[in-house]
Every structure is written in structure tokens, then in C-alpha cells.
């Protein structure tokens, strides 16, 4: 996963900081329910776990729609805490 986009990347990721903050945009499916990219969220959590962080807090906010057939966008902000 590439976290180089400043809107989704915390410079603390991979450093020896106590907390890391990441944002993942979840795209709702146009038809049916649920997110179309939960594996992206899962990968973000597992990537930080490999670096010695645990998920501390997750919050979401509605990011609106990206057009006629785009479905809704939900911004998930994840706070990870370094495990000692």
C-alpha cells in the first residue's frame, strides 16, 4: 500500500513515535450495501500492526458522493498506538 499521498500519510508511520494517524477513504458500493474496498482498510491496519502499532481509535465521517454512479465516500481516520 502506498501512503505517499499527504492526505492519507502520517510522517510518523514507520518512525518511532507513540501514535500514528492514517486516513482511508471507503467507497460505498453503488448497488447493494457495504464498502467496496474494506481490504484497503484491513491492509492499513495490518501494515501498522507489523510496525508494532495497535489500532487505538477509529472515527468516520461522510465524505459525500463522487458523481452520478460513484457511490458515497466515507473518510475513516485511524489512530494507532505503539505497543511497547
C-alpha atoms as a PDB file:
ATOM      1  CA  UNK A   1       0.000   0.000   0.000  1.00  0.00           C
ATOM      2  CA  UNK A   2       1.340   3.427  -0.958  1.00  0.00           C
ATOM      3  CA  UNK A   3       0.859   6.036   1.769  1.00  0.00           C
ATOM      4  CA  UNK A   4       2.807   8.762  -0.054  1.00  0.00           C
ATOM      5  CA  UNK A   5      -0.298  10.913  -0.640  1.00  0.00           C
ATOM      6  CA  UNK A   6      -0.206  13.562   2.091  1.00  0.00           C
ATOM      7  CA  UNK A   7      -3.934  13.231   2.733  1.00  0.00           C
ATOM      8  CA  UNK A   8      -3.546   9.605   3.820  1.00  0.00           C
ATOM      9  CA  UNK A   9       0.016   9.534   5.153  1.00  0.00           C
ATOM     10  CA  UNK A  10       1.368  10.474   8.527  1.00  0.00           C
ATOM     11  CA  UNK A  11       5.111  11.073   8.626  1.00  0.00           C
ATOM     12  CA  UNK A  12       5.081   9.145  11.908  1.00  0.00           C
ATOM     13  CA  UNK A  13       4.296   5.915  10.051  1.00  0.00           C
ATOM     14  CA  UNK A  14       7.360   3.730  10.429  1.00  0.00           C
ATOM     15  CA  UNK A  15       9.081   6.160  12.792  1.00  0.00           C
ATOM     16  CA  UNK A  16       9.463   5.568  16.498  1.00  0.00           C
ATOM     17  CA  UNK A  17       6.541   7.769  17.546  1.00  0.00           C
ATOM     18  CA  UNK A  18       3.967   6.860  20.181  1.00  0.00           C
ATOM     19  CA  UNK A  19       0.987   7.474  17.826  1.00  0.00           C
ATOM     20  CA  UNK A  20       0.345   7.305  14.077  1.00  0.00           C
ATOM     21  CA  UNK A  21      -2.703   8.728  12.283  1.00  0.00           C
ATOM     22  CA  UNK A  22      -3.919   7.480   8.886  1.00  0.00           C
ATOM     23  CA  UNK A  23      -6.968   8.211   6.759  1.00  0.00           C
ATOM     24  CA  UNK A  24      -8.600   5.681   4.461  1.00  0.00           C
ATOM     25  CA  UNK A  25     -11.427   6.579   2.090  1.00  0.00           C
ATOM     26  CA  UNK A  26     -14.091   3.889   1.971  1.00  0.00           C
ATOM     27  CA  UNK A  27     -16.151   3.820  -1.193  1.00  0.00           C
ATOM     28  CA  UNK A  28     -19.709   2.578  -0.820  1.00  0.00           C
ATOM     29  CA  UNK A  29     -20.958   0.180  -3.467  1.00  0.00           C
ATOM     30  CA  UNK A  30     -23.438   1.709  -5.888  1.00  0.00           C
ATOM     31  CA  UNK A  31     -25.664  -1.376  -5.732  1.00  0.00           C
ATOM     32  CA  UNK A  32     -26.151  -3.264  -2.502  1.00  0.00           C
ATOM     33  CA  UNK A  33     -24.702  -2.378   0.850  1.00  0.00           C
ATOM     34  CA  UNK A  34     -21.266  -2.284   2.389  1.00  0.00           C
ATOM     35  CA  UNK A  35     -17.934  -0.887   1.354  1.00  0.00           C
ATOM     36  CA  UNK A  36     -16.319  -1.794  -1.921  1.00  0.00           C
ATOM     37  CA  UNK A  37     -12.775  -1.603  -0.523  1.00  0.00           C
ATOM     38  CA  UNK A  38     -12.666  -2.991   3.020  1.00  0.00           C
ATOM     39  CA  UNK A  39      -9.440  -4.792   2.141  1.00  0.00           C
ATOM     40  CA  UNK A  40      -7.747  -1.371   1.876  1.00  0.00           C
ATOM     41  CA  UNK A  41      -8.787  -0.623   5.454  1.00  0.00           C
ATOM     42  CA  UNK A  42      -7.706  -4.086   6.570  1.00  0.00           C
ATOM     43  CA  UNK A  43      -4.318  -3.650   4.870  1.00  0.00           C
ATOM     44  CA  UNK A  44      -3.749  -0.287   6.577  1.00  0.00           C
ATOM     45  CA  UNK A  45      -4.431  -1.853   9.989  1.00  0.00           C
ATOM     46  CA  UNK A  46      -2.229  -4.894   9.320  1.00  0.00           C
ATOM     47  CA  UNK A  47       0.616  -2.750   7.924  1.00  0.00           C
ATOM     48  CA  UNK A  48       0.720  -0.729  11.142  1.00  0.00           C
ATOM     49  CA  UNK A  49       0.467  -3.892  13.276  1.00  0.00           C
ATOM     50  CA  UNK A  50       3.609  -5.199  11.531  1.00  0.00           C
ATOM     51  CA  UNK A  51       5.365  -1.984  12.614  1.00  0.00           C
ATOM     52  CA  UNK A  52       4.382  -2.544  16.256  1.00  0.00           C
ATOM     53  CA  UNK A  53       1.244  -0.403  16.451  1.00  0.00           C
ATOM     54  CA  UNK A  54      -2.252  -1.353  17.573  1.00  0.00           C
ATOM     55  CA  UNK A  55      -5.464   0.329  16.487  1.00  0.00           C
ATOM     56  CA  UNK A  56      -6.401   2.735  19.268  1.00  0.00           C
ATOM     57  CA  UNK A  57      -9.329   4.685  17.777  1.00  0.00           C
ATOM     58  CA  UNK A  58     -11.264   4.831  14.529  1.00  0.00           C
ATOM     59  CA  UNK A  59     -13.712   7.550  13.525  1.00  0.00           C
ATOM     60  CA  UNK A  60     -15.656   8.048  10.335  1.00  0.00           C
ATOM     61  CA  UNK A  61     -17.216  10.978   8.539  1.00  0.00           C
ATOM     62  CA  UNK A  62     -19.289  11.174   5.402  1.00  0.00           C
ATOM     63  CA  UNK A  63     -17.208  12.463   2.508  1.00  0.00           C
ATOM     64  CA  UNK A  64     -20.161  12.883   0.145  1.00  0.00           C
ATOM     65  CA  UNK A  65     -20.634  11.451  -3.320  1.00  0.00           C
ATOM     66  CA  UNK A  66     -18.211  11.491  -6.237  1.00  0.00           C
ATOM     67  CA  UNK A  67     -20.743  11.766  -9.016  1.00  0.00           C
ATOM     68  CA  UNK A  68     -23.732  10.034 -10.507  1.00  0.00           C
ATOM     69  CA  UNK A  69     -22.526   6.418 -10.258  1.00  0.00           C
ATOM     70  CA  UNK A  70     -19.706   6.920  -7.772  1.00  0.00           C
ATOM     71  CA  UNK A  71     -21.434   5.957  -4.545  1.00  0.00           C
ATOM     72  CA  UNK A  72     -20.799   7.664  -1.210  1.00  0.00           C
ATOM     73  CA  UNK A  73     -17.368   8.215   0.294  1.00  0.00           C
ATOM     74  CA  UNK A  74     -16.650   7.687   3.976  1.00  0.00           C
ATOM     75  CA  UNK A  75     -13.421   9.014   5.497  1.00  0.00           C
ATOM     76  CA  UNK A  76     -12.062   6.676   8.161  1.00  0.00           C
ATOM     77  CA  UNK A  77      -9.461   8.247  10.448  1.00  0.00           C
ATOM     78  CA  UNK A  78      -7.414   5.655  12.297  1.00  0.00           C
ATOM     79  CA  UNK A  79      -5.230   6.355  15.331  1.00  0.00           C
ATOM     80  CA  UNK A  80      -2.609   3.723  16.117  1.00  0.00           C
ATOM     81  CA  UNK A  81      -0.676   3.436  19.378  1.00  0.00           C
ATOM     82  CA  UNK A  82       2.829   1.998  19.639  1.00  0.00           C
ATOM     83  CA  UNK A  83       2.859  -1.280  21.559  1.00  0.00           C
ATOM     84  CA  UNK A  84       5.801  -1.462  23.981  1.00  0.00           C
END
